[in-house]
């Protein structure tokens, strides 16, 4: 059971990090092709993609909300704690992706 939880946490972490990094890098390529500032575009996209990366990594929010609802009102705390662990792993992954993109672009977001 622990291997399954650890594997899902690792998967959520890397999926959300990959979505932020990949979306920002490809957005930078699109900005380059359209003669915009790629580093500013990448930095802006990294910040905007964080929420969507969490949702995509968790596979949609309705299943997670259903498990949390059953945990709170049905006093089934183990699955609820597992969902919060998955949420934390996805949040941590998108934050690491955001930090990597900010590090690459050196924080060149437009004012």
PDB file of N, CA and C in Angstrom:
ATOM      1  N   UNK A   1       0.826  -1.194   0.000  1.00  0.00           N
ATOM      2  CA  UNK A   1       0.000   0.000   0.000  1.00  0.00           C
ATOM      3  C   UNK A   1       0.866   1.251   0.000  1.00  0.00           C
ATOM      4  N   UNK A   2       1.988   1.240   0.744  1.00  0.00           N
ATOM      5  CA  UNK A   2       2.845   2.413   0.783  1.00  0.00           C
ATOM      6  C   UNK A   2       3.473   2.680  -0.575  1.00  0.00           C
ATOM      7  N   UNK A   3       3.836   1.610  -1.291  1.00  0.00           N
ATOM      8  CA  UNK A   3       4.433   1.793  -2.609  1.00  0.00           C
ATOM      9  C   UNK A   3       3.452   2.454  -3.559  1.00  0.00           C
ATOM     10  N   UNK A   4       2.192   2.134  -3.455  1.00  0.00           N
ATOM     11  CA  UNK A   4       1.177   2.731  -4.309  1.00  0.00           C
ATOM     12  C   UNK A   4       1.007   4.219  -3.986  1.00  0.00           C
ATOM     13  N   UNK A   5       1.001   4.557  -2.722  1.00  0.00           N
ATOM     14  CA  UNK A   5       0.861   5.958  -2.322  1.00  0.00           C
ATOM     15  C   UNK A   5       2.092   6.744  -2.743  1.00  0.00           C
ATOM     16  N   UNK A   6       3.281   6.184  -2.503  1.00  0.00           N
ATOM     17  CA  UNK A   6       4.520   6.872  -2.894  1.00  0.00           C
ATOM     18  C   UNK A   6       4.598   7.011  -4.408  1.00  0.00           C
ATOM     19  N   UNK A   7       4.183   5.991  -5.137  1.00  0.00           N
ATOM     20  CA  UNK A   7       4.224   6.057  -6.597  1.00  0.00           C
ATOM     21  C   UNK A   7       3.260   7.119  -7.120  1.00  0.00           C
ATOM     22  N   UNK A   8       2.074   7.199  -6.531  1.00  0.00           N
ATOM     23  CA  UNK A   8       1.114   8.214  -6.963  1.00  0.00           C
ATOM     24  C   UNK A   8       1.589   9.617  -6.611  1.00  0.00           C
ATOM     25  N   UNK A   9       2.206   9.776  -5.454  1.00  0.00           N
ATOM     26  CA  UNK A   9       2.745  11.091  -5.084  1.00  0.00           C
ATOM     27  C   UNK A   9       3.850  11.507  -6.043  1.00  0.00           C
ATOM     28  N   UNK A  10       4.721  10.574  -6.373  1.00  0.00           N
ATOM     29  CA  UNK A  10       5.806  10.869  -7.301  1.00  0.00           C
ATOM     30  C   UNK A  10       5.265  11.190  -8.689  1.00  0.00           C
ATOM     31  N   UNK A  11       4.270  10.467  -9.117  1.00  0.00           N
ATOM     32  CA  UNK A  11       3.646  10.718 -10.411  1.00  0.00           C
ATOM     33  C   UNK A  11       2.975  12.091 -10.441  1.00  0.00           C
ATOM     34  N   UNK A  12       2.229  12.426  -9.399  1.00  0.00           N
ATOM     35  CA  UNK A  12       1.581  13.741  -9.335  1.00  0.00           C
ATOM     36  C   UNK A  12       2.611  14.864  -9.309  1.00  0.00           C
ATOM     37  N   UNK A  13       3.699  14.659  -8.576  1.00  0.00           N
ATOM     38  CA  UNK A  13       4.758  15.662  -8.495  1.00  0.00           C
ATOM     39  C   UNK A  13       5.345  15.950  -9.877  1.00  0.00           C
ATOM     40  N   UNK A  14       5.753  14.889 -10.582  1.00  0.00           N
ATOM     41  CA  UNK A  14       6.423  15.089 -11.861  1.00  0.00           C
ATOM     42  C   UNK A  14       5.471  15.511 -12.972  1.00  0.00           C
ATOM     43  N   UNK A  15       4.224  15.078 -12.930  1.00  0.00           N
ATOM     44  CA  UNK A  15       3.258  15.524 -13.936  1.00  0.00           C
ATOM     45  C   UNK A  15       3.002  17.019 -13.793  1.00  0.00           C
ATOM     46  N   UNK A  16       2.780  17.485 -12.576  1.00  0.00           N
ATOM     47  CA  UNK A  16       2.515  18.911 -12.399  1.00  0.00           C
ATOM     48  C   UNK A  16       3.754  19.743 -12.702  1.00  0.00           C
ATOM     49  N   UNK A  17       4.946  19.254 -12.323  1.00  0.00           N
ATOM     50  CA  UNK A  17       6.167  19.977 -12.650  1.00  0.00           C
ATOM     51  C   UNK A  17       6.382  20.003 -14.161  1.00  0.00           C
ATOM     52  N   UNK A  18       6.135  18.903 -14.834  1.00  0.00           N
ATOM     53  CA  UNK A  18       6.300  18.842 -16.281  1.00  0.00           C
ATOM     54  C   UNK A  18       5.324  19.725 -17.023  1.00  0.00           C
ATOM     55  N   UNK A  19       4.114  19.842 -16.511  1.00  0.00           N
ATOM     56  CA  UNK A  19       3.138  20.709 -17.157  1.00  0.00           C
ATOM     57  C   UNK A  19       3.558  22.175 -17.080  1.00  0.00           C
ATOM     58  N   UNK A  20       4.058  22.588 -15.940  1.00  0.00           N
ATOM     59  CA  UNK A  20       4.489  23.985 -15.793  1.00  0.00           C
ATOM     60  C   UNK A  20       5.721  24.250 -16.659  1.00  0.00           C
ATOM     61  N   UNK A  21       6.708  23.359 -16.591  1.00  0.00           N
ATOM     62  CA  UNK A  21       7.940  23.575 -17.350  1.00  0.00           C
ATOM     63  C   UNK A  21       7.671  23.455 -18.857  1.00  0.00           C
ATOM     64  N   UNK A  22       6.988  22.414 -19.260  1.00  0.00           N
ATOM     65  CA  UNK A  22       6.718  22.211 -20.687  1.00  0.00           C
ATOM     66  C   UNK A  22       5.839  23.287 -21.282  1.00  0.00           C
ATOM     67  N   UNK A  23       4.794  23.664 -20.573  1.00  0.00           N
ATOM     68  CA  UNK A  23       3.917  24.719 -21.071  1.00  0.00           C
ATOM     69  C   UNK A  23       4.626  26.054 -21.168  1.00  0.00           C
ATOM     70  N   UNK A  24       5.478  26.332 -20.213  1.00  0.00           N
ATOM     71  CA  UNK A  24       6.212  27.597 -20.239  1.00  0.00           C
ATOM     72  C   UNK A  24       7.252  27.614 -21.354  1.00  0.00           C
ATOM     73  N   UNK A  25       7.958  26.503 -21.530  1.00  0.00           N
ATOM     74  CA  UNK A  25       8.964  26.448 -22.589  1.00  0.00           C
ATOM     75  C   UNK A  25       8.331  26.544 -23.975  1.00  0.00           C
ATOM     76  N   UNK A  26       7.248  25.832 -24.192  1.00  0.00           N
ATOM     77  CA  UNK A  26       6.586  25.911 -25.489  1.00  0.00           C
ATOM     78  C   UNK A  26       5.920  27.274 -25.696  1.00  0.00           C
ATOM     79  N   UNK A  27       5.440  27.879 -24.624  1.00  0.00           N
ATOM     80  CA  UNK A  27       4.933  29.245 -24.726  1.00  0.00           C
ATOM     81  C   UNK A  27       6.037  30.228 -25.083  1.00  0.00           C
ATOM     82  N   UNK A  28       7.248  29.976 -24.579  1.00  0.00           N
ATOM     83  CA  UNK A  28       8.396  30.806 -24.934  1.00  0.00           C
ATOM     84  C   UNK A  28       8.762  30.663 -26.397  1.00  0.00           C
ATOM     85  N   UNK A  29       8.634  29.448 -26.936  1.00  0.00           N
ATOM     86  CA  UNK A  29       8.885  29.240 -28.368  1.00  0.00           C
ATOM     87  C   UNK A  29       7.841  29.997 -29.192  1.00  0.00           C
ATOM     88  N   UNK A  30       6.582  29.930 -28.756  1.00  0.00           N
ATOM     89  CA  UNK A  30       5.532  30.658 -29.464  1.00  0.00           C
ATOM     90  C   UNK A  30       5.764  32.166 -29.392  1.00  0.00           C
ATOM     91  N   UNK A  31       6.225  32.652 -28.249  1.00  0.00           N
ATOM     92  CA  UNK A  31       6.528  34.086 -28.126  1.00  0.00           C
ATOM     93  C   UNK A  31       7.681  34.476 -29.034  1.00  0.00           C
ATOM     94  N   UNK A  32       8.660  33.610 -29.166  1.00  0.00           N
ATOM     95  CA  UNK A  32       9.788  33.873 -30.056  1.00  0.00           C
ATOM     96  C   UNK A  32       9.331  33.938 -31.508  1.00  0.00           C
ATOM     97  N   UNK A  33       8.430  33.041 -31.888  1.00  0.00           N
ATOM     98  CA  UNK A  33       7.927  33.030 -33.262  1.00  0.00           C
ATOM     99  C   UNK A  33       7.042  34.232 -33.571  1.00  0.00           C
ATOM    100  N   UNK A  34       6.408  34.789 -32.558  1.00  0.00           N
ATOM    101  CA  UNK A  34       5.525  35.949 -32.767  1.00  0.00           C
ATOM    102  C   UNK A  34       6.194  37.261 -32.378  1.00  0.00           C
ATOM    103  N   UNK A  35       7.497  37.245 -32.199  1.00  0.00           N
ATOM    104  CA  UNK A  35       8.304  38.436 -31.927  1.00  0.00           C
ATOM    105  C   UNK A  35       7.924  39.137 -30.621  1.00  0.00           C
ATOM    106  N   UNK A  36       7.672  38.331 -29.585  1.00  0.00           N
ATOM    107  CA  UNK A  36       7.464  38.851 -28.242  1.00  0.00           C
ATOM    108  C   UNK A  36       8.659  38.463 -27.377  1.00  0.00           C
ATOM    109  N   UNK A  37       8.707  38.989 -26.183  1.00  0.00           N
ATOM    110  CA  UNK A  37       9.796  38.665 -25.269  1.00  0.00           C
ATOM    111  C   UNK A  37       9.574  37.257 -24.700  1.00  0.00           C
ATOM    112  N   UNK A  38      10.422  36.282 -25.078  1.00  0.00           N
ATOM    113  CA  UNK A  38      10.180  34.911 -24.625  1.00  0.00           C
ATOM    114  C   UNK A  38      10.351  34.713 -23.124  1.00  0.00           C
ATOM    115  N   UNK A  39      11.328  35.378 -22.520  1.00  0.00           N
ATOM    116  CA  UNK A  39      11.536  35.151 -21.089  1.00  0.00           C
ATOM    117  C   UNK A  39      10.396  35.734 -20.260  1.00  0.00           C
ATOM    118  N   UNK A  40       9.876  36.882 -20.655  1.00  0.00           N
ATOM    119  CA  UNK A  40       8.734  37.452 -19.935  1.00  0.00           C
ATOM    120  C   UNK A  40       7.497  36.585 -20.118  1.00  0.00           C
ATOM    121  N   UNK A  41       7.311  36.067 -21.325  1.00  0.00           N
ATOM    122  CA  UNK A  41       6.164  35.193 -21.583  1.00  0.00           C
ATOM    123  C   UNK A  41       6.274  33.899 -20.787  1.00  0.00           C
ATOM    124  N   UNK A  42       7.469  33.315 -20.751  1.00  0.00           N
ATOM    125  CA  UNK A  42       7.662  32.081 -19.991  1.00  0.00           C
ATOM    126  C   UNK A  42       7.413  32.303 -18.503  1.00  0.00           C
ATOM    127  N   UNK A  43       7.888  33.420 -17.976  1.00  0.00           N
ATOM    128  CA  UNK A  43       7.695  33.703 -16.553  1.00  0.00           C
ATOM    129  C   UNK A  43       6.222  33.912 -16.228  1.00  0.00           C
ATOM    130  N   UNK A  44       5.523  34.623 -17.101  1.00  0.00           N
ATOM    131  CA  UNK A  44       4.091  34.844 -16.885  1.00  0.00           C
ATOM    132  C   UNK A  44       3.319  33.533 -16.988  1.00  0.00           C
ATOM    133  N   UNK A  45       3.630  32.734 -17.998  1.00  0.00           N
ATOM    134  CA  UNK A  45       2.933  31.457 -18.171  1.00  0.00           C
ATOM    135  C   UNK A  45       3.183  30.505 -17.009  1.00  0.00           C
ATOM    136  N   UNK A  46       4.382  30.500 -16.487  1.00  0.00           N
ATOM    137  CA  UNK A  46       4.693  29.601 -15.362  1.00  0.00           C
ATOM    138  C   UNK A  46       3.795  29.915 -14.171  1.00  0.00           C
ATOM    139  N   UNK A  47       3.568  31.187 -13.915  1.00  0.00           N
ATOM    140  CA  UNK A  47       2.689  31.562 -12.809  1.00  0.00           C
ATOM    141  C   UNK A  47       1.234  31.220 -13.076  1.00  0.00           C
ATOM    142  N   UNK A  48       0.809  31.363 -14.338  1.00  0.00           N
ATOM    143  CA  UNK A  48      -0.589  31.109 -14.674  1.00  0.00           C
ATOM    144  C   UNK A  48      -0.907  29.617 -14.811  1.00  0.00           C
ATOM    145  N   UNK A  49       0.090  28.812 -15.121  1.00  0.00           N
ATOM    146  CA  UNK A  49      -0.143  27.379 -15.323  1.00  0.00           C
ATOM    147  C   UNK A  49      -0.132  26.576 -14.029  1.00  0.00           C
ATOM    148  N   UNK A  50       0.232  27.173 -12.917  1.00  0.00           N
ATOM    149  CA  UNK A  50       0.350  26.417 -11.673  1.00  0.00           C
ATOM    150  C   UNK A  50      -0.973  25.767 -11.253  1.00  0.00           C
ATOM    151  N   UNK A  51      -2.039  26.511 -11.298  1.00  0.00           N
ATOM    152  CA  UNK A  51      -3.338  25.969 -10.870  1.00  0.00           C
ATOM    153  C   UNK A  51      -3.780  24.854 -11.804  1.00  0.00           C
ATOM    154  N   UNK A  52      -3.596  25.064 -13.107  1.00  0.00           N
ATOM    155  CA  UNK A  52      -4.026  24.058 -14.071  1.00  0.00           C
ATOM    156  C   UNK A  52      -3.165  22.808 -13.985  1.00  0.00           C
ATOM    157  N   UNK A  53      -1.914  22.972 -13.611  1.00  0.00           N
ATOM    158  CA  UNK A  53      -1.040  21.806 -13.452  1.00  0.00           C
ATOM    159  C   UNK A  53      -1.498  20.942 -12.282  1.00  0.00           C
ATOM    160  N   UNK A  54      -1.938  21.573 -11.207  1.00  0.00           N
ATOM    161  CA  UNK A  54      -2.443  20.808 -10.063  1.00  0.00           C
ATOM    162  C   UNK A  54      -3.696  20.035 -10.454  1.00  0.00           C
ATOM    163  N   UNK A  55      -4.616  20.702 -11.142  1.00  0.00           N
ATOM    164  CA  UNK A  55      -5.866  20.050 -11.547  1.00  0.00           C
ATOM    165  C   UNK A  55      -5.583  18.899 -12.500  1.00  0.00           C
ATOM    166  N   UNK A  56      -4.690  19.112 -13.462  1.00  0.00           N
ATOM    167  CA  UNK A  56      -4.381  18.057 -14.431  1.00  0.00           C
ATOM    168  C   UNK A  56      -3.651  16.898 -13.766  1.00  0.00           C
ATOM    169  N   UNK A  57      -2.755  17.177 -12.840  1.00  0.00           N
ATOM    170  CA  UNK A  57      -2.012  16.104 -12.180  1.00  0.00           C
ATOM    171  C   UNK A  57      -2.922  15.235 -11.324  1.00  0.00           C
ATOM    172  N   UNK A  58      -3.928  15.830 -10.744  1.00  0.00           N
ATOM    173  CA  UNK A  58      -4.840  15.058  -9.902  1.00  0.00           C
ATOM    174  C   UNK A  58      -5.933  14.376 -10.713  1.00  0.00           C
ATOM    175  N   UNK A  59      -5.992  14.637 -12.003  1.00  0.00           N
ATOM    176  CA  UNK A  59      -6.968  13.962 -12.853  1.00  0.00           C
ATOM    177  C   UNK A  59      -8.367  14.525 -12.714  1.00  0.00           C
ATOM    178  N   UNK A  60      -8.502  15.786 -12.424  1.00  0.00           N
ATOM    179  CA  UNK A  60      -9.802  16.398 -12.212  1.00  0.00           C
ATOM    180  C   UNK A  60     -10.078  16.497 -10.729  1.00  0.00           C
ATOM    181  N   UNK A  61     -10.841  17.468 -10.350  1.00  0.00           N
ATOM    182  CA  UNK A  61     -11.026  17.717  -8.926  1.00  0.00           C
ATOM    183  C   UNK A  61     -12.254  17.023  -8.344  1.00  0.00           C
ATOM    184  N   UNK A  62     -13.140  16.529  -9.170  1.00  0.00           N
ATOM    185  CA  UNK A  62     -14.383  15.986  -8.626  1.00  0.00           C
ATOM    186  C   UNK A  62     -14.157  14.704  -7.827  1.00  0.00           C
ATOM    187  N   UNK A  63     -13.298  13.825  -8.299  1.00  0.00           N
ATOM    188  CA  UNK A  63     -13.025  12.602  -7.545  1.00  0.00           C
ATOM    189  C   UNK A  63     -12.372  12.926  -6.209  1.00  0.00           C
ATOM    190  N   UNK A  64     -11.438  13.877  -6.230  1.00  0.00           N
ATOM    191  CA  UNK A  64     -10.772  14.267  -4.995  1.00  0.00           C
ATOM    192  C   UNK A  64     -11.774  14.892  -4.017  1.00  0.00           C
ATOM    193  N   UNK A  65     -12.646  15.748  -4.519  1.00  0.00           N
ATOM    194  CA  UNK A  65     -13.641  16.374  -3.649  1.00  0.00           C
ATOM    195  C   UNK A  65     -14.635  15.347  -3.107  1.00  0.00           C
ATOM    196  N   UNK A  66     -14.957  14.345  -3.890  1.00  0.00           N
ATOM    197  CA  UNK A  66     -15.873  13.293  -3.438  1.00  0.00           C
ATOM    198  C   UNK A  66     -15.243  12.492  -2.292  1.00  0.00           C
ATOM    199  N   UNK A  67     -13.959  12.186  -2.413  1.00  0.00           N
ATOM    200  CA  UNK A  67     -13.267  11.435  -1.352  1.00  0.00           C
ATOM    201  C   UNK A  67     -13.164  12.279  -0.090  1.00  0.00           C
ATOM    202  N   UNK A  68     -12.876  13.569  -0.243  1.00  0.00           N
ATOM    203  CA  UNK A  68     -12.800  14.452   0.925  1.00  0.00           C
ATOM    204  C   UNK A  68     -14.174  14.587   1.578  1.00  0.00           C
ATOM    205  N   UNK A  69     -15.226  14.668   0.773  1.00  0.00           N
ATOM    206  CA  UNK A  69     -16.587  14.741   1.313  1.00  0.00           C
ATOM    207  C   UNK A  69     -16.915  13.489   2.122  1.00  0.00           C
ATOM    208  N   UNK A  70     -16.584  12.333   1.594  1.00  0.00           N
ATOM    209  CA  UNK A  70     -16.826  11.089   2.334  1.00  0.00           C
ATOM    210  C   UNK A  70     -15.959  11.014   3.586  1.00  0.00           C
ATOM    211  N   UNK A  71     -14.769  11.602   3.523  1.00  0.00           N
ATOM    212  CA  UNK A  71     -13.892  11.588   4.688  1.00  0.00           C
ATOM    213  C   UNK A  71     -14.396  12.473   5.803  1.00  0.00           C
ATOM    214  N   UNK A  72     -14.924  13.640   5.442  1.00  0.00           N
ATOM    215  CA  UNK A  72     -15.401  14.572   6.467  1.00  0.00           C
ATOM    216  C   UNK A  72     -16.726  14.119   7.052  1.00  0.00           C
ATOM    217  N   UNK A  73     -17.677  13.801   6.192  1.00  0.00           N
ATOM    218  CA  UNK A  73     -19.010  13.474   6.692  1.00  0.00           C
ATOM    219  C   UNK A  73     -19.179  11.999   7.045  1.00  0.00           C
ATOM    220  N   UNK A  74     -18.313  11.138   6.537  1.00  0.00           N
ATOM    221  CA  UNK A  74     -18.396   9.721   6.863  1.00  0.00           C
ATOM    222  C   UNK A  74     -17.320   9.287   7.839  1.00  0.00           C
ATOM    223  N   UNK A  75     -16.543  10.237   8.325  1.00  0.00           N
ATOM    224  CA  UNK A  75     -15.450   9.974   9.267  1.00  0.00           C
ATOM    225  C   UNK A  75     -14.482   8.913   8.734  1.00  0.00           C
ATOM    226  N   UNK A  76     -14.235   8.952   7.446  1.00  0.00           N
ATOM    227  CA  UNK A  76     -13.291   8.044   6.810  1.00  0.00           C
ATOM    228  C   UNK A  76     -12.026   8.845   6.519  1.00  0.00           C
ATOM    229  N   UNK A  77     -11.137   8.914   7.489  1.00  0.00           N
ATOM    230  CA  UNK A  77     -10.021   9.850   7.436  1.00  0.00           C
ATOM    231  C   UNK A  77      -8.827   9.372   6.620  1.00  0.00           C
ATOM    232  N   UNK A  78      -8.624   8.084   6.466  1.00  0.00           N
ATOM    233  CA  UNK A  78      -7.446   7.580   5.746  1.00  0.00           C
ATOM    234  C   UNK A  78      -7.478   7.982   4.267  1.00  0.00           C
ATOM    235  N   UNK A  79      -8.570   7.747   3.530  1.00  0.00           N
ATOM    236  CA  UNK A  79      -8.585   8.185   2.125  1.00  0.00           C
ATOM    237  C   UNK A  79      -8.503   9.708   1.982  1.00  0.00           C
ATOM    238  N   UNK A  80      -9.085  10.426   2.933  1.00  0.00           N
ATOM    239  CA  UNK A  80      -9.020  11.883   2.884  1.00  0.00           C
ATOM    240  C   UNK A  80      -7.583  12.359   3.086  1.00  0.00           C
ATOM    241  N   UNK A  81      -6.870  11.763   4.009  1.00  0.00           N
ATOM    242  CA  UNK A  81      -5.473  12.135   4.229  1.00  0.00           C
ATOM    243  C   UNK A  81      -4.630  11.792   3.007  1.00  0.00           C
ATOM    244  N   UNK A  82      -4.931  10.685   2.350  1.00  0.00           N
ATOM    245  CA  UNK A  82      -4.217  10.297   1.137  1.00  0.00           C
ATOM    246  C   UNK A  82      -4.436  11.326   0.026  1.00  0.00           C
ATOM    247  N   UNK A  83      -5.662  11.811  -0.114  1.00  0.00           N
ATOM    248  CA  UNK A  83      -5.944  12.821  -1.146  1.00  0.00           C
ATOM    249  C   UNK A  83      -5.220  14.132  -0.855  1.00  0.00           C
ATOM    250  N   UNK A  84      -5.148  14.504   0.420  1.00  0.00           N
ATOM    251  CA  UNK A  84      -4.403  15.712   0.763  1.00  0.00           C
ATOM    252  C   UNK A  84      -2.906  15.529   0.494  1.00  0.00           C
ATOM    253  N   UNK A  85      -2.406  14.320   0.678  1.00  0.00           N
ATOM    254  CA  UNK A  85      -1.010  14.036   0.361  1.00  0.00           C
ATOM    255  C   UNK A  85      -0.762  14.147  -1.139  1.00  0.00           C
ATOM    256  N   UNK A  86      -1.680  13.640  -1.954  1.00  0.00           N
ATOM    257  CA  UNK A  86      -1.565  13.774  -3.406  1.00  0.00           C
ATOM    258  C   UNK A  86      -1.641  15.246  -3.824  1.00  0.00           C
ATOM    259  N   UNK A  87      -2.527  15.988  -3.188  1.00  0.00           N
ATOM    260  CA  UNK A  87      -2.656  17.415  -3.487  1.00  0.00           C
ATOM    261  C   UNK A  87      -1.378  18.157  -3.134  1.00  0.00           C
ATOM    262  N   UNK A  88      -0.781  17.826  -2.002  1.00  0.00           N
ATOM    263  CA  UNK A  88       0.457  18.473  -1.595  1.00  0.00           C
ATOM    264  C   UNK A  88       1.593  18.133  -2.553  1.00  0.00           C
ATOM    265  N   UNK A  89       1.656  16.880  -3.009  1.00  0.00           N
ATOM    266  CA  UNK A  89       2.706  16.483  -3.953  1.00  0.00           C
ATOM    267  C   UNK A  89       2.548  17.221  -5.276  1.00  0.00           C
ATOM    268  N   UNK A  90       1.314  17.375  -5.752  1.00  0.00           N
ATOM    269  CA  UNK A  90       1.077  18.102  -6.997  1.00  0.00           C
ATOM    270  C   UNK A  90       1.407  19.585  -6.824  1.00  0.00           C
ATOM    271  N   UNK A  91       1.040  20.153  -5.687  1.00  0.00           N
ATOM    272  CA  UNK A  91       1.371  21.554  -5.430  1.00  0.00           C
ATOM    273  C   UNK A  91       2.878  21.759  -5.365  1.00  0.00           C
ATOM    274  N   UNK A  92       3.563  20.854  -4.697  1.00  0.00           N
ATOM    275  CA  UNK A  92       5.011  20.956  -4.593  1.00  0.00           C
ATOM    276  C   UNK A  92       5.669  20.834  -5.972  1.00  0.00           C
ATOM    277  N   UNK A  93       5.163  19.946  -6.805  1.00  0.00           N
ATOM    278  CA  UNK A  93       5.699  19.781  -8.155  1.00  0.00           C
ATOM    279  C   UNK A  93       5.525  21.019  -9.004  1.00  0.00           C
ATOM    280  N   UNK A  94       4.348  21.630  -8.951  1.00  0.00           N
ATOM    281  CA  UNK A  94       4.162  22.828  -9.774  1.00  0.00           C
ATOM    282  C   UNK A  94       4.954  23.997  -9.218  1.00  0.00           C
ATOM    283  N   UNK A  95       5.168  24.048  -7.931  1.00  0.00           N
ATOM    284  CA  UNK A  95       5.986  25.113  -7.358  1.00  0.00           C
ATOM    285  C   UNK A  95       7.455  24.945  -7.755  1.00  0.00           C
ATOM    286  N   UNK A  96       7.941  23.710  -7.771  1.00  0.00           N
ATOM    287  CA  UNK A  96       9.321  23.456  -8.212  1.00  0.00           C
ATOM    288  C   UNK A  96       9.470  23.819  -9.691  1.00  0.00           C
ATOM    289  N   UNK A  97       8.480  23.468 -10.513  1.00  0.00           N
ATOM    290  CA  UNK A  97       8.512  23.857 -11.921  1.00  0.00           C
ATOM    291  C   UNK A  97       8.515  25.363 -12.099  1.00  0.00           C
ATOM    292  N   UNK A  98       7.731  26.054 -11.299  1.00  0.00           N
ATOM    293  CA  UNK A  98       7.694  27.514 -11.356  1.00  0.00           C
ATOM    294  C   UNK A  98       9.043  28.105 -10.951  1.00  0.00           C
ATOM    295  N   UNK A  99       9.652  27.558  -9.923  1.00  0.00           N
ATOM    296  CA  UNK A  99      10.961  28.058  -9.475  1.00  0.00           C
ATOM    297  C   UNK A  99      12.020  27.812 -10.548  1.00  0.00           C
ATOM    298  N   UNK A 100      11.968  26.661 -11.208  1.00  0.00           N
ATOM    299  CA  UNK A 100      12.933  26.372 -12.279  1.00  0.00           C
ATOM    300  C   UNK A 100      12.773  27.361 -13.431  1.00  0.00           C
ATOM    301  N   UNK A 101      11.539  27.624 -13.843  1.00  0.00           N
ATOM    302  CA  UNK A 101      11.312  28.579 -14.935  1.00  0.00           C
ATOM    303  C   UNK A 101      11.718  29.980 -14.509  1.00  0.00           C
ATOM    304  N   UNK A 102      11.420  30.366 -13.291  1.00  0.00           N
ATOM    305  CA  UNK A 102      11.837  31.683 -12.803  1.00  0.00           C
ATOM    306  C   UNK A 102      13.351  31.780 -12.753  1.00  0.00           C
ATOM    307  N   UNK A 103      14.008  30.696 -12.389  1.00  0.00           N
ATOM    308  CA  UNK A 103      15.466  30.664 -12.366  1.00  0.00           C
ATOM    309  C   UNK A 103      16.042  30.787 -13.782  1.00  0.00           C
ATOM    310  N   UNK A 104      15.425  30.087 -14.746  1.00  0.00           N
ATOM    311  CA  UNK A 104      15.895  30.148 -16.136  1.00  0.00           C
ATOM    312  C   UNK A 104      15.709  31.557 -16.703  1.00  0.00           C
ATOM    313  N   UNK A 105      14.547  32.145 -16.448  1.00  0.00           N
ATOM    314  CA  UNK A 105      14.262  33.473 -17.017  1.00  0.00           C
ATOM    315  C   UNK A 105      14.769  34.603 -16.145  1.00  0.00           C
ATOM    316  N   UNK A 106      15.288  34.287 -14.975  1.00  0.00           N
ATOM    317  CA  UNK A 106      15.771  35.265 -14.000  1.00  0.00           C
ATOM    318  C   UNK A 106      14.692  36.271 -13.613  1.00  0.00           C
ATOM    319  N   UNK A 107      13.438  35.817 -13.575  1.00  0.00           N
ATOM    320  CA  UNK A 107      12.331  36.648 -13.120  1.00  0.00           C
ATOM    321  C   UNK A 107      12.042  37.824 -14.027  1.00  0.00           C
ATOM    322  N   UNK A 108      12.051  37.623 -15.342  1.00  0.00           N
ATOM    323  CA  UNK A 108      11.848  38.704 -16.307  1.00  0.00           C
ATOM    324  C   UNK A 108      10.389  38.969 -16.607  1.00  0.00           C
ATOM    325  N   UNK A 109       9.545  38.923 -15.617  1.00  0.00           N
ATOM    326  CA  UNK A 109       8.132  39.211 -15.843  1.00  0.00           C
ATOM    327  C   UNK A 109       7.963  40.704 -16.093  1.00  0.00           C
ATOM    328  N   UNK A 110       7.094  41.021 -17.039  1.00  0.00           N
ATOM    329  CA  UNK A 110       6.847  42.437 -17.345  1.00  0.00           C
ATOM    330  C   UNK A 110       6.145  43.100 -16.170  1.00  0.00           C
ATOM    331  N   UNK A 111       6.430  44.380 -15.903  1.00  0.00           N
ATOM    332  CA  UNK A 111       5.742  45.068 -14.807  1.00  0.00           C
ATOM    333  C   UNK A 111       4.312  45.365 -15.145  1.00  0.00           C
TER     334      UNK A 111
END
